[in-house]
């Protein structure tokens, strides 16, 4: 599903996203770490995977299949 970064703490690598329906979902450092990303900014569009109302994976929209960005 698509979402927008709502908050991101670069020190803890935790934050939250807003789904397109306005529901806020948190993500933890493990979800961010597995993404291969280095930083997120509020307003950035992402593709997210969700389980039990928590984000389990983050990817930048349009960047293939969850490959780490280096």
N, C-alpha and C. Protein backbone atom coordinates (compact mmCIF):
# COMPACT_ATOMS: atom_id res chain seq x y z
N UNK A 1 0.84 -1.17 0.00
CA UNK A 1 0.00 0.00 0.00
C UNK A 1 0.88 1.24 0.00
N UNK A 2 0.31 2.33 -0.43
CA UNK A 2 1.02 3.60 -0.49
C UNK A 2 0.77 4.38 0.80
N UNK A 3 1.79 5.12 1.21
CA UNK A 3 1.67 5.94 2.41
C UNK A 3 2.65 7.12 2.30
N UNK A 4 2.51 8.05 3.22
CA UNK A 4 3.35 9.24 3.28
C UNK A 4 4.03 9.29 4.64
N UNK A 5 5.32 9.61 4.66
CA UNK A 5 6.03 9.73 5.93
C UNK A 5 5.41 10.86 6.74
N UNK A 6 5.01 10.55 7.96
CA UNK A 6 4.42 11.54 8.85
C UNK A 6 5.49 12.07 9.82
N UNK A 7 6.20 11.15 10.46
CA UNK A 7 7.28 11.51 11.38
C UNK A 7 8.44 10.55 11.19
N UNK A 8 9.65 11.04 11.40
CA UNK A 8 10.84 10.18 11.38
C UNK A 8 11.87 10.76 12.33
N UNK A 9 12.39 9.92 13.22
CA UNK A 9 13.43 10.32 14.15
C UNK A 9 14.75 9.70 13.68
N UNK A 10 15.66 10.50 13.13
CA UNK A 10 16.90 9.96 12.59
C UNK A 10 17.81 9.35 13.66
N UNK A 11 17.62 9.71 14.92
CA UNK A 11 18.44 9.14 16.00
C UNK A 11 18.01 7.71 16.35
N UNK A 12 16.69 7.47 16.35
CA UNK A 12 16.18 6.14 16.73
C UNK A 12 15.73 5.31 15.54
N UNK A 13 15.63 5.95 14.37
CA UNK A 13 15.15 5.29 13.14
C UNK A 13 13.73 4.76 13.28
N UNK A 14 12.92 5.45 14.07
CA UNK A 14 11.52 5.10 14.22
C UNK A 14 10.67 6.25 13.71
N UNK A 15 9.39 5.97 13.49
CA UNK A 15 8.51 7.02 13.03
C UNK A 15 7.13 6.48 12.71
N UNK A 16 6.45 7.19 11.85
CA UNK A 16 5.12 6.77 11.44
C UNK A 16 4.84 7.26 10.03
N UNK A 17 3.88 6.59 9.42
CA UNK A 17 3.41 6.97 8.09
C UNK A 17 1.91 7.19 8.16
N UNK A 18 1.40 7.95 7.20
CA UNK A 18 -0.04 8.13 7.05
C UNK A 18 -0.47 7.37 5.81
N UNK A 19 -1.39 6.42 6.00
CA UNK A 19 -1.97 5.74 4.84
C UNK A 19 -2.79 6.76 4.05
N UNK A 20 -3.13 6.42 2.84
CA UNK A 20 -3.89 7.35 2.02
C UNK A 20 -5.29 7.64 2.58
N UNK A 21 -5.78 6.77 3.48
CA UNK A 21 -7.08 7.02 4.11
C UNK A 21 -6.95 7.83 5.40
N UNK A 22 -5.72 8.30 5.72
CA UNK A 22 -5.50 9.16 6.86
C UNK A 22 -5.14 8.45 8.16
N UNK A 23 -5.08 7.11 8.14
CA UNK A 23 -4.74 6.36 9.35
C UNK A 23 -3.22 6.39 9.54
N UNK A 24 -2.78 6.74 10.77
CA UNK A 24 -1.37 6.79 11.09
C UNK A 24 -0.91 5.41 11.58
N UNK A 25 0.19 4.92 11.01
CA UNK A 25 0.76 3.63 11.40
C UNK A 25 2.22 3.81 11.80
N UNK A 26 2.64 3.24 12.93
CA UNK A 26 4.02 3.37 13.38
C UNK A 26 4.95 2.39 12.67
N UNK A 27 6.23 2.71 12.65
CA UNK A 27 7.24 1.73 12.24
C UNK A 27 8.40 1.82 13.21
N UNK A 28 9.07 0.66 13.39
CA UNK A 28 10.18 0.61 14.33
C UNK A 28 11.51 0.58 13.58
N UNK A 29 12.59 0.57 14.34
CA UNK A 29 13.93 0.61 13.76
C UNK A 29 14.21 -0.60 12.89
N UNK A 30 13.63 -1.75 13.23
CA UNK A 30 13.85 -2.96 12.43
C UNK A 30 13.25 -2.80 11.03
N UNK A 31 12.05 -2.23 10.93
CA UNK A 31 11.42 -2.01 9.62
C UNK A 31 12.24 -1.02 8.80
N UNK A 32 12.71 0.04 9.45
CA UNK A 32 13.53 1.01 8.73
C UNK A 32 14.86 0.40 8.31
N UNK A 33 15.51 -0.33 9.22
CA UNK A 33 16.80 -0.94 8.92
C UNK A 33 16.74 -1.91 7.75
N UNK A 34 15.65 -2.67 7.66
CA UNK A 34 15.51 -3.64 6.57
C UNK A 34 15.25 -2.97 5.23
N UNK A 35 14.89 -1.70 5.25
CA UNK A 35 14.55 -1.00 4.01
C UNK A 35 15.78 -0.68 3.16
N UNK A 36 16.94 -0.58 3.79
CA UNK A 36 18.13 -0.17 3.07
C UNK A 36 18.23 1.34 2.89
N UNK A 37 17.26 2.07 3.43
CA UNK A 37 17.26 3.53 3.31
C UNK A 37 18.15 4.14 4.39
N UNK A 38 18.60 5.35 4.14
CA UNK A 38 19.44 6.05 5.11
C UNK A 38 18.69 7.14 5.86
N UNK A 39 17.65 7.68 5.26
CA UNK A 39 16.92 8.80 5.84
C UNK A 39 15.54 8.87 5.22
N UNK A 40 14.59 9.37 5.96
CA UNK A 40 13.26 9.66 5.45
C UNK A 40 12.94 11.10 5.78
N UNK A 41 12.10 11.72 4.97
CA UNK A 41 11.69 13.09 5.25
C UNK A 41 10.16 13.16 5.27
N UNK A 42 9.59 13.95 6.16
CA UNK A 42 8.13 14.09 6.19
C UNK A 42 7.60 14.49 4.81
N UNK A 43 6.51 13.85 4.43
CA UNK A 43 5.90 14.11 3.13
C UNK A 43 6.37 13.18 2.03
N UNK A 44 7.42 12.42 2.29
CA UNK A 44 7.94 11.49 1.28
C UNK A 44 6.96 10.33 1.07
N UNK A 45 6.73 9.98 -0.19
CA UNK A 45 5.83 8.88 -0.53
C UNK A 45 6.59 7.56 -0.46
N UNK A 46 5.92 6.54 0.10
CA UNK A 46 6.51 5.23 0.24
C UNK A 46 5.50 4.15 -0.12
N UNK A 47 6.01 2.98 -0.41
CA UNK A 47 5.21 1.77 -0.44
C UNK A 47 5.52 1.06 0.87
N UNK A 48 4.48 0.63 1.58
CA UNK A 48 4.69 -0.02 2.87
C UNK A 48 3.96 -1.36 2.91
N UNK A 49 4.52 -2.27 3.68
CA UNK A 49 3.84 -3.53 3.99
C UNK A 49 3.44 -3.44 5.45
N UNK A 50 2.23 -3.93 5.75
CA UNK A 50 1.67 -3.77 7.09
C UNK A 50 1.19 -5.12 7.62
N UNK A 51 1.45 -5.37 8.91
CA UNK A 51 0.92 -6.53 9.61
C UNK A 51 0.49 -6.08 11.00
N UNK A 52 -0.73 -6.41 11.39
CA UNK A 52 -1.25 -6.04 12.71
C UNK A 52 -1.12 -4.55 12.99
N UNK A 53 -1.47 -3.74 12.01
CA UNK A 53 -1.45 -2.28 12.13
C UNK A 53 -0.07 -1.70 12.45
N UNK A 54 0.98 -2.41 12.06
CA UNK A 54 2.35 -1.90 12.17
C UNK A 54 3.04 -2.08 10.83
N UNK A 55 3.85 -1.11 10.46
CA UNK A 55 4.61 -1.19 9.22
C UNK A 55 5.75 -2.18 9.41
N UNK A 56 5.85 -3.14 8.49
CA UNK A 56 6.92 -4.15 8.57
C UNK A 56 7.98 -3.95 7.50
N UNK A 57 7.67 -3.17 6.46
CA UNK A 57 8.63 -2.91 5.39
C UNK A 57 8.33 -1.56 4.75
N UNK A 58 9.40 -0.86 4.37
CA UNK A 58 9.31 0.45 3.73
C UNK A 58 10.09 0.41 2.43
N UNK A 59 9.53 0.99 1.38
CA UNK A 59 10.24 1.11 0.11
C UNK A 59 9.88 2.45 -0.52
N UNK A 60 10.81 3.01 -1.25
CA UNK A 60 10.51 4.25 -1.97
C UNK A 60 9.68 3.90 -3.19
N UNK A 61 8.61 4.66 -3.40
CA UNK A 61 7.72 4.46 -4.54
C UNK A 61 8.52 4.51 -5.83
N UNK A 62 8.35 3.49 -6.65
CA UNK A 62 8.98 3.47 -7.96
C UNK A 62 10.39 2.92 -7.99
N UNK A 63 10.95 2.59 -6.83
CA UNK A 63 12.29 1.98 -6.80
C UNK A 63 12.08 0.49 -6.59
N UNK A 64 12.57 -0.29 -7.51
CA UNK A 64 12.29 -1.71 -7.60
C UNK A 64 12.43 -2.53 -6.36
N UNK A 65 11.50 -3.44 -6.22
CA UNK A 65 11.42 -4.59 -5.35
C UNK A 65 12.14 -4.57 -4.01
N UNK A 66 12.31 -3.45 -3.38
CA UNK A 66 12.89 -3.44 -2.06
C UNK A 66 14.39 -3.64 -2.03
N UNK A 67 15.05 -3.41 -3.14
CA UNK A 67 16.50 -3.55 -3.18
C UNK A 67 17.14 -2.41 -2.40
N UNK A 68 18.20 -2.70 -1.64
CA UNK A 68 18.86 -1.63 -0.90
C UNK A 68 19.36 -0.53 -1.83
N UNK A 69 19.22 0.68 -1.39
CA UNK A 69 19.71 1.83 -2.13
C UNK A 69 21.08 2.19 -1.57
N UNK A 70 22.08 2.24 -2.40
CA UNK A 70 23.45 2.50 -1.92
C UNK A 70 23.99 3.76 -2.53
